[in-house]
């Protein structure tokens, strides 16, 4: 079970989670985040994981997606700090599943003179 509490402030939207981020609760959090994020404009979005005691693989994937979209993760316990550090580190890199055409910094071309010098 996962309890999701929303704290809406003028400069920040904060999600506070309690419980296990697993199973159907991952989809529930994703839906809450996407709905709320559509109305936040320039405000900071943060996720307080202080009371989360378990995150499954799908939950970790969601957290990585959130980090890639600028969500700040706050962890308190050593377990969650370690998990958040790993997620934030991994979120900085393009995954194998992500196609190069989805990356805005890569130009895909068979002509070497038109390739992006920063591309992989």
PDB file of N, CA and C in Angstrom:
ATOM      1  N   UNK A   1       0.836  -1.181   0.000  1.00  0.00           N
ATOM      2  CA  UNK A   1       0.000   0.000   0.000  1.00  0.00           C
ATOM      3  C   UNK A   1       0.880   1.243   0.000  1.00  0.00           C
ATOM      4  N   UNK A   2       0.392   2.285  -0.655  1.00  0.00           N
ATOM      5  CA  UNK A   2       1.114   3.535  -0.755  1.00  0.00           C
ATOM      6  C   UNK A   2       0.147   4.682  -0.496  1.00  0.00           C
ATOM      7  N   UNK A   3       0.552   5.573   0.390  1.00  0.00           N
ATOM      8  CA  UNK A   3      -0.221   6.781   0.647  1.00  0.00           C
ATOM      9  C   UNK A   3       0.483   7.934  -0.062  1.00  0.00           C
ATOM     10  N   UNK A   4      -0.271   8.674  -0.884  1.00  0.00           N
ATOM     11  CA  UNK A   4       0.266   9.803  -1.623  1.00  0.00           C
ATOM     12  C   UNK A   4      -0.432  11.059  -1.111  1.00  0.00           C
ATOM     13  N   UNK A   5       0.360  11.986  -0.567  1.00  0.00           N
ATOM     14  CA  UNK A   5      -0.182  13.255  -0.087  1.00  0.00           C
ATOM     15  C   UNK A   5       0.442  14.373  -0.905  1.00  0.00           C
ATOM     16  N   UNK A   6      -0.397  15.263  -1.387  1.00  0.00           N
ATOM     17  CA  UNK A   6       0.054  16.386  -2.203  1.00  0.00           C
ATOM     18  C   UNK A   6       0.079  17.647  -1.361  1.00  0.00           C
ATOM     19  N   UNK A   7       1.224  18.342  -1.385  1.00  0.00           N
ATOM     20  CA  UNK A   7       1.364  19.628  -0.700  1.00  0.00           C
ATOM     21  C   UNK A   7       1.604  20.677  -1.780  1.00  0.00           C
ATOM     22  N   UNK A   8       0.609  21.522  -1.993  1.00  0.00           N
ATOM     23  CA  UNK A   8       0.655  22.515  -3.056  1.00  0.00           C
ATOM     24  C   UNK A   8       1.010  23.878  -2.485  1.00  0.00           C
ATOM     25  N   UNK A   9       2.192  24.383  -2.859  1.00  0.00           N
ATOM     26  CA  UNK A   9       2.687  25.676  -2.402  1.00  0.00           C
ATOM     27  C   UNK A   9       2.893  26.573  -3.621  1.00  0.00           C
ATOM     28  N   UNK A  10       2.973  27.887  -3.426  1.00  0.00           N
ATOM     29  CA  UNK A  10       3.139  28.802  -4.570  1.00  0.00           C
ATOM     30  C   UNK A  10       4.371  28.504  -5.433  1.00  0.00           C
ATOM     31  N   UNK A  11       5.472  28.087  -4.816  1.00  0.00           N
ATOM     32  CA  UNK A  11       6.711  27.852  -5.573  1.00  0.00           C
ATOM     33  C   UNK A  11       7.053  26.382  -5.750  1.00  0.00           C
ATOM     34  N   UNK A  12       6.288  25.503  -5.130  1.00  0.00           N
ATOM     35  CA  UNK A  12       6.646  24.086  -5.154  1.00  0.00           C
ATOM     36  C   UNK A  12       5.412  23.206  -5.022  1.00  0.00           C
ATOM     37  N   UNK A  13       5.463  22.073  -5.724  1.00  0.00           N
ATOM     38  CA  UNK A  13       4.465  21.025  -5.564  1.00  0.00           C
ATOM     39  C   UNK A  13       5.212  19.822  -5.010  1.00  0.00           C
ATOM     40  N   UNK A  14       4.810  19.376  -3.820  1.00  0.00           N
ATOM     41  CA  UNK A  14       5.529  18.283  -3.171  1.00  0.00           C
ATOM     42  C   UNK A  14       4.605  17.091  -2.981  1.00  0.00           C
ATOM     43  N   UNK A  15       5.091  15.930  -3.414  1.00  0.00           N
ATOM     44  CA  UNK A  15       4.413  14.663  -3.162  1.00  0.00           C
ATOM     45  C   UNK A  15       5.084  14.026  -1.959  1.00  0.00           C
ATOM     46  N   UNK A  16       4.301  13.602  -0.997  1.00  0.00           N
ATOM     47  CA  UNK A  16       4.851  12.879   0.159  1.00  0.00           C
ATOM     48  C   UNK A  16       4.317  11.453   0.086  1.00  0.00           C
ATOM     49  N   UNK A  17       5.244  10.502   0.027  1.00  0.00           N
ATOM     50  CA  UNK A  17       4.867   9.097  -0.098  1.00  0.00           C
ATOM     51  C   UNK A  17       5.111   8.364   1.210  1.00  0.00           C
ATOM     52  N   UNK A  18       4.215   7.430   1.504  1.00  0.00           N
ATOM     53  CA  UNK A  18       4.362   6.575   2.680  1.00  0.00           C
ATOM     54  C   UNK A  18       3.984   5.152   2.289  1.00  0.00           C
ATOM     55  N   UNK A  19       4.886   4.204   2.534  1.00  0.00           N
ATOM     56  CA  UNK A  19       4.585   2.807   2.249  1.00  0.00           C
ATOM     57  C   UNK A  19       5.498   2.217   1.194  1.00  0.00           C
ATOM     58  N   UNK A  20       4.891   1.389   0.325  1.00  0.00           N
ATOM     59  CA  UNK A  20       5.651   0.671  -0.695  1.00  0.00           C
ATOM     60  C   UNK A  20       5.286   1.187  -2.084  1.00  0.00           C
ATOM     61  N   UNK A  21       6.310   1.573  -2.837  1.00  0.00           N
ATOM     62  CA  UNK A  21       6.112   2.006  -4.217  1.00  0.00           C
ATOM     63  C   UNK A  21       6.305   0.769  -5.093  1.00  0.00           C
ATOM     64  N   UNK A  22       5.200   0.060  -5.296  1.00  0.00           N
ATOM     65  CA  UNK A  22       5.265  -1.222  -5.996  1.00  0.00           C
ATOM     66  C   UNK A  22       3.904  -1.541  -6.611  1.00  0.00           C
ATOM     67  N   UNK A  23       3.945  -2.417  -7.607  1.00  0.00           N
ATOM     68  CA  UNK A  23       2.714  -2.912  -8.213  1.00  0.00           C
ATOM     69  C   UNK A  23       1.844  -1.813  -8.785  1.00  0.00           C
ATOM     70  N   UNK A  24       0.542  -1.892  -8.506  1.00  0.00           N
ATOM     71  CA  UNK A  24      -0.431  -0.938  -9.035  1.00  0.00           C
ATOM     72  C   UNK A  24      -0.194   0.480  -8.530  1.00  0.00           C
ATOM     73  N   UNK A  25       0.505   0.612  -7.408  1.00  0.00           N
ATOM     74  CA  UNK A  25       0.752   1.939  -6.841  1.00  0.00           C
ATOM     75  C   UNK A  25       1.704   2.752  -7.700  1.00  0.00           C
ATOM     76  N   UNK A  26       2.531   2.084  -8.481  1.00  0.00           N
ATOM     77  CA  UNK A  26       3.435   2.790  -9.392  1.00  0.00           C
ATOM     78  C   UNK A  26       2.604   3.528 -10.445  1.00  0.00           C
ATOM     79  N   UNK A  27       1.625   2.858 -11.012  1.00  0.00           N
ATOM     80  CA  UNK A  27       0.746   3.490 -12.007  1.00  0.00           C
ATOM     81  C   UNK A  27      -0.047   4.625 -11.387  1.00  0.00           C
ATOM     82  N   UNK A  28      -0.481   4.443 -10.159  1.00  0.00           N
ATOM     83  CA  UNK A  28      -1.236   5.481  -9.457  1.00  0.00           C
ATOM     84  C   UNK A  28      -0.380   6.736  -9.260  1.00  0.00           C
ATOM     85  N   UNK A  29       0.871   6.557  -8.837  1.00  0.00           N
ATOM     86  CA  UNK A  29       1.765   7.700  -8.663  1.00  0.00           C
ATOM     87  C   UNK A  29       2.056   8.361 -10.000  1.00  0.00           C
ATOM     88  N   UNK A  30       2.287   7.568 -11.033  1.00  0.00           N
ATOM     89  CA  UNK A  30       2.552   8.131 -12.363  1.00  0.00           C
ATOM     90  C   UNK A  30       1.378   9.009 -12.804  1.00  0.00           C
ATOM     91  N   UNK A  31       0.162   8.511 -12.623  1.00  0.00           N
ATOM     92  CA  UNK A  31      -1.023   9.270 -13.015  1.00  0.00           C
ATOM     93  C   UNK A  31      -1.135  10.568 -12.205  1.00  0.00           C
ATOM     94  N   UNK A  32      -0.917  10.494 -10.899  1.00  0.00           N
ATOM     95  CA  UNK A  32      -0.964  11.684 -10.041  1.00  0.00           C
ATOM     96  C   UNK A  32       0.075  12.710 -10.479  1.00  0.00           C
ATOM     97  N   UNK A  33       1.292  12.234 -10.736  1.00  0.00           N
ATOM     98  CA  UNK A  33       2.380  13.115 -11.143  1.00  0.00           C
ATOM     99  C   UNK A  33       2.086  13.782 -12.484  1.00  0.00           C
ATOM    100  N   UNK A  34       1.652  13.001 -13.470  1.00  0.00           N
ATOM    101  CA  UNK A  34       1.398  13.562 -14.789  1.00  0.00           C
ATOM    102  C   UNK A  34       0.243  14.564 -14.756  1.00  0.00           C
ATOM    103  N   UNK A  35      -0.777  14.270 -13.986  1.00  0.00           N
ATOM    104  CA  UNK A  35      -1.905  15.193 -13.871  1.00  0.00           C
ATOM    105  C   UNK A  35      -1.470  16.488 -13.195  1.00  0.00           C
ATOM    106  N   UNK A  36      -0.761  16.365 -12.091  1.00  0.00           N
ATOM    107  CA  UNK A  36      -0.312  17.547 -11.352  1.00  0.00           C
ATOM    108  C   UNK A  36       0.715  18.340 -12.151  1.00  0.00           C
ATOM    109  N   UNK A  37       1.631  17.652 -12.812  1.00  0.00           N
ATOM    110  CA  UNK A  37       2.693  18.321 -13.559  1.00  0.00           C
ATOM    111  C   UNK A  37       2.139  19.149 -14.713  1.00  0.00           C
ATOM    112  N   UNK A  38       0.975  18.779 -15.218  1.00  0.00           N
ATOM    113  CA  UNK A  38       0.396  19.530 -16.329  1.00  0.00           C
ATOM    114  C   UNK A  38      -0.072  20.913 -15.885  1.00  0.00           C
ATOM    115  N   UNK A  39      -0.154  21.150 -14.581  1.00  0.00           N
ATOM    116  CA  UNK A  39      -0.645  22.438 -14.078  1.00  0.00           C
ATOM    117  C   UNK A  39       0.409  23.225 -13.302  1.00  0.00           C
ATOM    118  N   UNK A  40       1.612  22.704 -13.166  1.00  0.00           N
ATOM    119  CA  UNK A  40       2.609  23.341 -12.298  1.00  0.00           C
ATOM    120  C   UNK A  40       3.398  24.459 -12.960  1.00  0.00           C
ATOM    121  N   UNK A  41       3.467  24.494 -14.257  1.00  0.00           N
ATOM    122  CA  UNK A  41       4.245  25.477 -15.011  1.00  0.00           C
ATOM    123  C   UNK A  41       5.692  25.493 -14.555  1.00  0.00           C
ATOM    124  N   UNK A  42       6.147  26.569 -13.942  1.00  0.00           N
ATOM    125  CA  UNK A  42       7.558  26.729 -13.579  1.00  0.00           C
ATOM    126  C   UNK A  42       7.881  26.286 -12.153  1.00  0.00           C
ATOM    127  N   UNK A  43       6.921  25.784 -11.424  1.00  0.00           N
ATOM    128  CA  UNK A  43       7.173  25.421 -10.028  1.00  0.00           C
ATOM    129  C   UNK A  43       8.012  24.150  -9.925  1.00  0.00           C
ATOM    130  N   UNK A  44       8.786  24.087  -8.864  1.00  0.00           N
ATOM    131  CA  UNK A  44       9.586  22.913  -8.551  1.00  0.00           C
ATOM    132  C   UNK A  44       8.648  21.781  -8.126  1.00  0.00           C
ATOM    133  N   UNK A  45       8.920  20.580  -8.609  1.00  0.00           N
ATOM    134  CA  UNK A  45       8.183  19.394  -8.159  1.00  0.00           C
ATOM    135  C   UNK A  45       9.165  18.537  -7.379  1.00  0.00           C
ATOM    136  N   UNK A  46       8.767  18.144  -6.175  1.00  0.00           N
ATOM    137  CA  UNK A  46       9.637  17.290  -5.377  1.00  0.00           C
ATOM    138  C   UNK A  46       8.855  16.087  -4.867  1.00  0.00           C
ATOM    139  N   UNK A  47       9.598  15.041  -4.579  1.00  0.00           N
ATOM    140  CA  UNK A  47       9.021  13.790  -4.109  1.00  0.00           C
ATOM    141  C   UNK A  47       9.710  13.425  -2.802  1.00  0.00           C
ATOM    142  N   UNK A  48       8.963  13.463  -1.708  1.00  0.00           N
ATOM    143  CA  UNK A  48       9.489  13.138  -0.380  1.00  0.00           C
ATOM    144  C   UNK A  48       9.329  11.636  -0.157  1.00  0.00           C
ATOM    145  N   UNK A  49      10.461  10.932  -0.129  1.00  0.00           N
ATOM    146  CA  UNK A  49      10.473   9.479   0.037  1.00  0.00           C
ATOM    147  C   UNK A  49      10.817   9.064   1.465  1.00  0.00           C
ATOM    148  N   UNK A  50      10.662   9.983   2.415  1.00  0.00           N
ATOM    149  CA  UNK A  50      11.057   9.743   3.796  1.00  0.00           C
ATOM    150  C   UNK A  50      10.381   8.560   4.465  1.00  0.00           C
ATOM    151  N   UNK A  51       9.169   8.248   4.045  1.00  0.00           N
ATOM    152  CA  UNK A  51       8.425   7.148   4.662  1.00  0.00           C
ATOM    153  C   UNK A  51       8.237   5.958   3.727  1.00  0.00           C
ATOM    154  N   UNK A  52       9.034   5.901   2.661  1.00  0.00           N
ATOM    155  CA  UNK A  52       8.956   4.776   1.724  1.00  0.00           C
ATOM    156  C   UNK A  52       9.938   3.707   2.176  1.00  0.00           C
ATOM    157  N   UNK A  53       9.455   2.460   2.283  1.00  0.00           N
ATOM    158  CA  UNK A  53      10.335   1.389   2.761  1.00  0.00           C
ATOM    159  C   UNK A  53      10.633   0.324   1.707  1.00  0.00           C
ATOM    160  N   UNK A  54      10.046   0.470   0.508  1.00  0.00           N
ATOM    161  CA  UNK A  54      10.320  -0.497  -0.558  1.00  0.00           C
ATOM    162  C   UNK A  54       9.971   0.124  -1.897  1.00  0.00           C
ATOM    163  N   UNK A  55      10.808  -0.135  -2.912  1.00  0.00           N
ATOM    164  CA  UNK A  55      10.552   0.316  -4.280  1.00  0.00           C
ATOM    165  C   UNK A  55      10.876  -0.847  -5.206  1.00  0.00           C
ATOM    166  N   UNK A  56       9.874  -1.290  -5.987  1.00  0.00           N
ATOM    167  CA  UNK A  56      10.138  -2.387  -6.921  1.00  0.00           C
ATOM    168  C   UNK A  56      10.769  -1.832  -8.201  1.00  0.00           C
ATOM    169  N   UNK A  57      11.042  -2.702  -9.163  1.00  0.00           N
ATOM    170  CA  UNK A  57      11.730  -2.303 -10.393  1.00  0.00           C
ATOM    171  C   UNK A  57      10.916  -1.271 -11.168  1.00  0.00           C
ATOM    172  N   UNK A  58       9.604  -1.470 -11.267  1.00  0.00           N
ATOM    173  CA  UNK A  58       8.763  -0.507 -11.977  1.00  0.00           C
ATOM    174  C   UNK A  58       8.768   0.841 -11.256  1.00  0.00           C
ATOM    175  N   UNK A  59       8.803   0.814  -9.932  1.00  0.00           N
ATOM    176  CA  UNK A  59       8.883   2.042  -9.151  1.00  0.00           C
ATOM    177  C   UNK A  59      10.191   2.765  -9.397  1.00  0.00           C
ATOM    178  N   UNK A  60      11.271   2.018  -9.497  1.00  0.00           N
ATOM    179  CA  UNK A  60      12.574   2.624  -9.781  1.00  0.00           C
ATOM    180  C   UNK A  60      12.578   3.264 -11.167  1.00  0.00           C
ATOM    181  N   UNK A  61      11.940   2.607 -12.121  1.00  0.00           N
ATOM    182  CA  UNK A  61      11.840   3.160 -13.474  1.00  0.00           C
ATOM    183  C   UNK A  61      11.055   4.467 -13.460  1.00  0.00           C
ATOM    184  N   UNK A  62       9.952   4.497 -12.709  1.00  0.00           N
ATOM    185  CA  UNK A  62       9.165   5.722 -12.596  1.00  0.00           C
ATOM    186  C   UNK A  62       9.984   6.833 -11.948  1.00  0.00           C
ATOM    187  N   UNK A  63      10.701   6.529 -10.883  1.00  0.00           N
ATOM    188  CA  UNK A  63      11.527   7.541 -10.225  1.00  0.00           C
ATOM    189  C   UNK A  63      12.579   8.095 -11.186  1.00  0.00           C
ATOM    190  N   UNK A  64      13.164   7.227 -11.987  1.00  0.00           N
ATOM    191  CA  UNK A  64      14.150   7.682 -12.976  1.00  0.00           C
ATOM    192  C   UNK A  64      13.488   8.586 -14.014  1.00  0.00           C
ATOM    193  N   UNK A  65      12.280   8.237 -14.454  1.00  0.00           N
ATOM    194  CA  UNK A  65      11.542   9.092 -15.392  1.00  0.00           C
ATOM    195  C   UNK A  65      11.279  10.461 -14.774  1.00  0.00           C
ATOM    196  N   UNK A  66      10.911  10.455 -13.517  1.00  0.00           N
ATOM    197  CA  UNK A  66      10.611  11.705 -12.829  1.00  0.00           C
ATOM    198  C   UNK A  66      11.867  12.573 -12.721  1.00  0.00           C
ATOM    199  N   UNK A  67      12.992  11.950 -12.394  1.00  0.00           N
ATOM    200  CA  UNK A  67      14.256  12.690 -12.298  1.00  0.00           C
ATOM    201  C   UNK A  67      14.610  13.296 -13.646  1.00  0.00           C
ATOM    202  N   UNK A  68      14.444  12.519 -14.721  1.00  0.00           N
ATOM    203  CA  UNK A  68      14.739  13.030 -16.066  1.00  0.00           C
ATOM    204  C   UNK A  68      13.851  14.220 -16.438  1.00  0.00           C
ATOM    205  N   UNK A  69      12.690  14.309 -15.811  1.00  0.00           N
ATOM    206  CA  UNK A  69      11.773  15.424 -16.063  1.00  0.00           C
ATOM    207  C   UNK A  69      11.910  16.529 -15.013  1.00  0.00           C
ATOM    208  N   UNK A  70      12.979  16.481 -14.229  1.00  0.00           N
ATOM    209  CA  UNK A  70      13.278  17.572 -13.316  1.00  0.00           C
ATOM    210  C   UNK A  70      12.707  17.464 -11.915  1.00  0.00           C
ATOM    211  N   UNK A  71      12.116  16.336 -11.571  1.00  0.00           N
ATOM    212  CA  UNK A  71      11.584  16.153 -10.223  1.00  0.00           C
ATOM    213  C   UNK A  71      12.738  15.916  -9.256  1.00  0.00           C
ATOM    214  N   UNK A  72      12.694  16.594  -8.116  1.00  0.00           N
ATOM    215  CA  UNK A  72      13.718  16.449  -7.083  1.00  0.00           C
ATOM    216  C   UNK A  72      13.274  15.357  -6.111  1.00  0.00           C
ATOM    217  N   UNK A  73      14.145  14.371  -5.859  1.00  0.00           N
ATOM    218  CA  UNK A  73      13.842  13.284  -4.921  1.00  0.00           C
ATOM    219  C   UNK A  73      14.500  13.572  -3.579  1.00  0.00           C
ATOM    220  N   UNK A  74      13.724  13.431  -2.499  1.00  0.00           N
ATOM    221  CA  UNK A  74      14.260  13.648  -1.157  1.00  0.00           C
ATOM    222  C   UNK A  74      14.186  12.315  -0.397  1.00  0.00           C
ATOM    223  N   UNK A  75      15.346  11.845   0.037  1.00  0.00           N
ATOM    224  CA  UNK A  75      15.425  10.587   0.776  1.00  0.00           C
ATOM    225  C   UNK A  75      16.057  10.836   2.137  1.00  0.00           C
ATOM    226  N   UNK A  76      15.634  10.058   3.127  1.00  0.00           N
ATOM    227  CA  UNK A  76      16.126  10.232   4.491  1.00  0.00           C
ATOM    228  C   UNK A  76      16.917   9.011   4.955  1.00  0.00           C
ATOM    229  N   UNK A  77      16.341   7.832   4.775  1.00  0.00           N
ATOM    230  CA  UNK A  77      16.974   6.622   5.278  1.00  0.00           C
ATOM    231  C   UNK A  77      18.179   6.236   4.413  1.00  0.00           C
ATOM    232  N   UNK A  78      19.143   5.532   4.979  1.00  0.00           N
ATOM    233  CA  UNK A  78      20.306   5.103   4.193  1.00  0.00           C
ATOM    234  C   UNK A  78      19.910   4.286   2.962  1.00  0.00           C
ATOM    235  N   UNK A  79      18.928   3.397   3.120  1.00  0.00           N
ATOM    236  CA  UNK A  79      18.473   2.581   1.995  1.00  0.00           C
ATOM    237  C   UNK A  79      17.969   3.469   0.860  1.00  0.00           C
ATOM    238  N   UNK A  80      17.083   4.414   1.189  1.00  0.00           N
ATOM    239  CA  UNK A  80      16.501   5.266   0.157  1.00  0.00           C
ATOM    240  C   UNK A  80      17.531   6.239  -0.416  1.00  0.00           C
ATOM    241  N   UNK A  81      18.446   6.737   0.418  1.00  0.00           N
ATOM    242  CA  UNK A  81      19.505   7.611  -0.094  1.00  0.00           C
ATOM    243  C   UNK A  81      20.336   6.892  -1.142  1.00  0.00           C
ATOM    244  N   UNK A  82      20.675   5.649  -0.848  1.00  0.00           N
ATOM    245  CA  UNK A  82      21.465   4.849  -1.778  1.00  0.00           C
ATOM    246  C   UNK A  82      20.696   4.611  -3.074  1.00  0.00           C
ATOM    247  N   UNK A  83      19.427   4.276  -2.947  1.00  0.00           N
ATOM    248  CA  UNK A  83      18.592   4.023  -4.120  1.00  0.00           C
ATOM    249  C   UNK A  83      18.439   5.294  -4.958  1.00  0.00           C
ATOM    250  N   UNK A  84      18.191   6.418  -4.309  1.00  0.00           N
ATOM    251  CA  UNK A  84      18.034   7.692  -5.022  1.00  0.00           C
ATOM    252  C   UNK A  84      19.332   8.074  -5.723  1.00  0.00           C
ATOM    253  N   UNK A  85      20.466   7.893  -5.059  1.00  0.00           N
ATOM    254  CA  UNK A  85      21.756   8.205  -5.683  1.00  0.00           C
ATOM    255  C   UNK A  85      21.962   7.358  -6.937  1.00  0.00           C
ATOM    256  N   UNK A  86      21.615   6.083  -6.859  1.00  0.00           N
ATOM    257  CA  UNK A  86      21.748   5.185  -8.006  1.00  0.00           C
ATOM    258  C   UNK A  86      20.804   5.608  -9.139  1.00  0.00           C
ATOM    259  N   UNK A  87      19.576   5.944  -8.805  1.00  0.00           N
ATOM    260  CA  UNK A  87      18.591   6.374  -9.807  1.00  0.00           C
ATOM    261  C   UNK A  87      19.037   7.671 -10.467  1.00  0.00           C
ATOM    262  N   UNK A  88      19.488   8.631  -9.680  1.00  0.00           N
ATOM    263  CA  UNK A  88      19.930   9.913 -10.236  1.00  0.00           C
ATOM    264  C   UNK A  88      21.148   9.738 -11.131  1.00  0.00           C
ATOM    265  N   UNK A  89      22.051   8.869 -10.737  1.00  0.00           N
ATOM    266  CA  UNK A  89      23.245   8.597 -11.550  1.00  0.00           C
ATOM    267  C   UNK A  89      22.827   7.954 -12.881  1.00  0.00           C
ATOM    268  N   UNK A  90      21.946   6.970 -12.819  1.00  0.00           N
ATOM    269  CA  UNK A  90      21.507   6.260 -14.020  1.00  0.00           C
ATOM    270  C   UNK A  90      20.655   7.156 -14.917  1.00  0.00           C
ATOM    271  N   UNK A  91      19.890   8.074 -14.336  1.00  0.00           N
ATOM    272  CA  UNK A  91      19.002   8.943 -15.119  1.00  0.00           C
ATOM    273  C   UNK A  91      19.781   9.914 -15.992  1.00  0.00           C
ATOM    274  N   UNK A  92      21.045  10.147 -15.672  1.00  0.00           N
ATOM    275  CA  UNK A  92      21.869  11.061 -16.470  1.00  0.00           C
ATOM    276  C   UNK A  92      22.312  10.449 -17.789  1.00  0.00           C
ATOM    277  N   UNK A  93      22.187   9.138 -17.931  1.00  0.00           N
ATOM    278  CA  UNK A  93      22.652   8.445 -19.121  1.00  0.00           C
ATOM    279  C   UNK A  93      21.472   7.964 -19.946  1.00  0.00           C
ATOM    280  N   UNK A  94      21.672   7.889 -21.250  1.00  0.00           N
ATOM    281  CA  UNK A  94      20.651   7.369 -22.148  1.00  0.00           C
ATOM    282  C   UNK A  94      20.639   5.861 -22.015  1.00  0.00           C
ATOM    283  N   UNK A  95      19.461   5.281 -21.944  1.00  0.00           N
ATOM    284  CA  UNK A  95      19.363   3.831 -21.837  1.00  0.00           C
ATOM    285  C   UNK A  95      19.429   3.201 -23.218  1.00  0.00           C
ATOM    286  N   UNK A  96      19.719   1.911 -23.258  1.00  0.00           N
ATOM    287  CA  UNK A  96      19.796   1.184 -24.515  1.00  0.00           C
ATOM    288  C   UNK A  96      18.438   1.183 -25.199  1.00  0.00           C
ATOM    289  N   UNK A  97      17.350   1.142 -24.413  1.00  0.00           N
ATOM    290  CA  UNK A  97      16.009   1.099 -24.975  1.00  0.00           C
ATOM    291  C   UNK A  97      15.611   2.406 -25.652  1.00  0.00           C
ATOM    292  N   UNK A  98      16.228   3.515 -25.282  1.00  0.00           N
ATOM    293  CA  UNK A  98      15.870   4.805 -25.852  1.00  0.00           C
ATOM    294  C   UNK A  98      16.513   4.948 -27.221  1.00  0.00           C
ATOM    295  N   UNK A  99      15.707   5.193 -28.221  1.00  0.00           N
ATOM    296  CA  UNK A  99      16.245   5.312 -29.562  1.00  0.00           C
ATOM    297  C   UNK A  99      16.956   6.646 -29.729  1.00  0.00           C
ATOM    298  N   UNK A 100      18.017   6.691 -30.504  1.00  0.00           N
ATOM    299  CA  UNK A 100      18.758   7.936 -30.700  1.00  0.00           C
ATOM    300  C   UNK A 100      17.891   9.063 -31.264  1.00  0.00           C
ATOM    301  N   UNK A 101      16.884   8.726 -32.046  1.00  0.00           N
ATOM    302  CA  UNK A 101      16.050   9.762 -32.643  1.00  0.00           C
ATOM    303  C   UNK A 101      15.235  10.514 -31.601  1.00  0.00           C
ATOM    304  N   UNK A 102      15.056   9.971 -30.413  1.00  0.00           N
ATOM    305  CA  UNK A 102      14.316  10.643 -29.353  1.00  0.00           C
ATOM    306  C   UNK A 102      15.187  11.645 -28.621  1.00  0.00           C
ATOM    307  N   UNK A 103      16.500  11.556 -28.773  1.00  0.00           N
ATOM    308  CA  UNK A 103      17.404  12.480 -28.096  1.00  0.00           C
ATOM    309  C   UNK A 103      17.558  13.736 -28.941  1.00  0.00           C
ATOM    310  N   UNK A 104      17.385  14.875 -28.320  1.00  0.00           N
ATOM    311  CA  UNK A 104      17.460  16.134 -29.052  1.00  0.00           C
ATOM    312  C   UNK A 104      18.892  16.537 -29.377  1.00  0.00           C
ATOM    313  N   UNK A 105      19.887  15.952 -28.716  1.00  0.00           N
ATOM    314  CA  UNK A 105      21.265  16.364 -28.941  1.00  0.00           C
ATOM    315  C   UNK A 105      22.013  15.480 -29.927  1.00  0.00           C
ATOM    316  N   UNK A 106      21.309  14.577 -30.591  1.00  0.00           N
ATOM    317  CA  UNK A 106      21.964  13.658 -31.509  1.00  0.00           C
ATOM    318  C   UNK A 106      21.356  13.816 -32.897  1.00  0.00           C
ATOM    319  N   UNK A 107      22.207  13.973 -33.886  1.00  0.00           N
ATOM    320  CA  UNK A 107      21.770  14.018 -35.266  1.00  0.00           C
ATOM    321  C   UNK A 107      22.180  12.701 -35.901  1.00  0.00           C
ATOM    322  N   UNK A 108      21.203  11.963 -36.385  1.00  0.00           N
ATOM    323  CA  UNK A 108      21.490  10.672 -36.993  1.00  0.00           C
ATOM    324  C   UNK A 108      21.581  10.871 -38.498  1.00  0.00           C
ATOM    325  N   UNK A 109      22.723  10.503 -39.075  1.00  0.00           N
ATOM    326  CA  UNK A 109      22.933  10.653 -40.509  1.00  0.00           C
ATOM    327  C   UNK A 109      24.003   9.671 -40.948  1.00  0.00           C
ATOM    328  N   UNK A 110      23.873   9.192 -42.174  1.00  0.00           N
ATOM    329  CA  UNK A 110      24.912   8.310 -42.710  1.00  0.00           C
ATOM    330  C   UNK A 110      26.074   9.127 -43.266  1.00  0.00           C
ATOM    331  N   UNK A 111      25.865  10.425 -43.442  1.00  0.00           N
ATOM    332  CA  UNK A 111      26.915  11.316 -43.933  1.00  0.00           C
ATOM    333  C   UNK A 111      27.737  11.807 -42.743  1.00  0.00           C
ATOM    334  N   UNK A 112      29.024  11.406 -42.629  1.00  0.00           N
ATOM    335  CA  UNK A 112      29.850  11.784 -41.476  1.00  0.00           C
ATOM    336  C   UNK A 112      29.965  13.293 -41.290  1.00  0.00           C
ATOM    337  N   UNK A 113      29.881  14.072 -42.336  1.00  0.00           N
ATOM    338  CA  UNK A 113      30.008  15.524 -42.193  1.00  0.00           C
ATOM    339  C   UNK A 113      28.794  16.153 -41.529  1.00  0.00           C
ATOM    340  N   UNK A 114      27.680  15.414 -41.476  1.00  0.00           N
ATOM    341  CA  UNK A 114      26.450  15.946 -40.878  1.00  0.00           C
ATOM    342  C   UNK A 114      26.184  15.379 -39.494  1.00  0.00           C
ATOM    343  N   UNK A 115      27.054  14.551 -38.994  1.00  0.00           N
ATOM    344  CA  UNK A 115      26.851  13.950 -37.676  1.00  0.00           C
ATOM    345  C   UNK A 115      27.181  14.943 -36.589  1.00  0.00           C
ATOM    346  N   UNK A 116      26.506  14.781 -35.464  1.00  0.00           N
ATOM    347  CA  UNK A 116      26.753  15.609 -34.305  1.00  0.00           C
ATOM    348  C   UNK A 116      28.050  15.142 -33.631  1.00  0.00           C
ATOM    349  N   UNK A 117      29.029  16.005 -33.430  1.00  0.00           N
ATOM    350  CA  UNK A 117      30.291  15.582 -32.832  1.00  0.00           C
ATOM    351  C   UNK A 117      30.111  15.120 -31.384  1.00  0.00           C
ATOM    352  N   UNK A 118      29.025  15.499 -30.722  1.00  0.00           N
ATOM    353  CA  UNK A 118      28.796  15.063 -29.346  1.00  0.00           C
ATOM    354  C   UNK A 118      28.023  13.771 -29.256  1.00  0.00           C
ATOM    355  N   UNK A 119      27.641  13.214 -30.391  1.00  0.00           N
ATOM    356  CA  UNK A 119      26.848  11.978 -30.387  1.00  0.00           C
ATOM    357  C   UNK A 119      27.713  10.801 -29.973  1.00  0.00           C
ATOM    358  N   UNK A 120      27.026   9.768 -29.513  1.00  0.00           N
ATOM    359  CA  UNK A 120      27.731   8.571 -29.047  1.00  0.00           C
ATOM    360  C   UNK A 120      28.352   7.809 -30.164  1.00  0.00           C
TER     361      UNK A 120
END
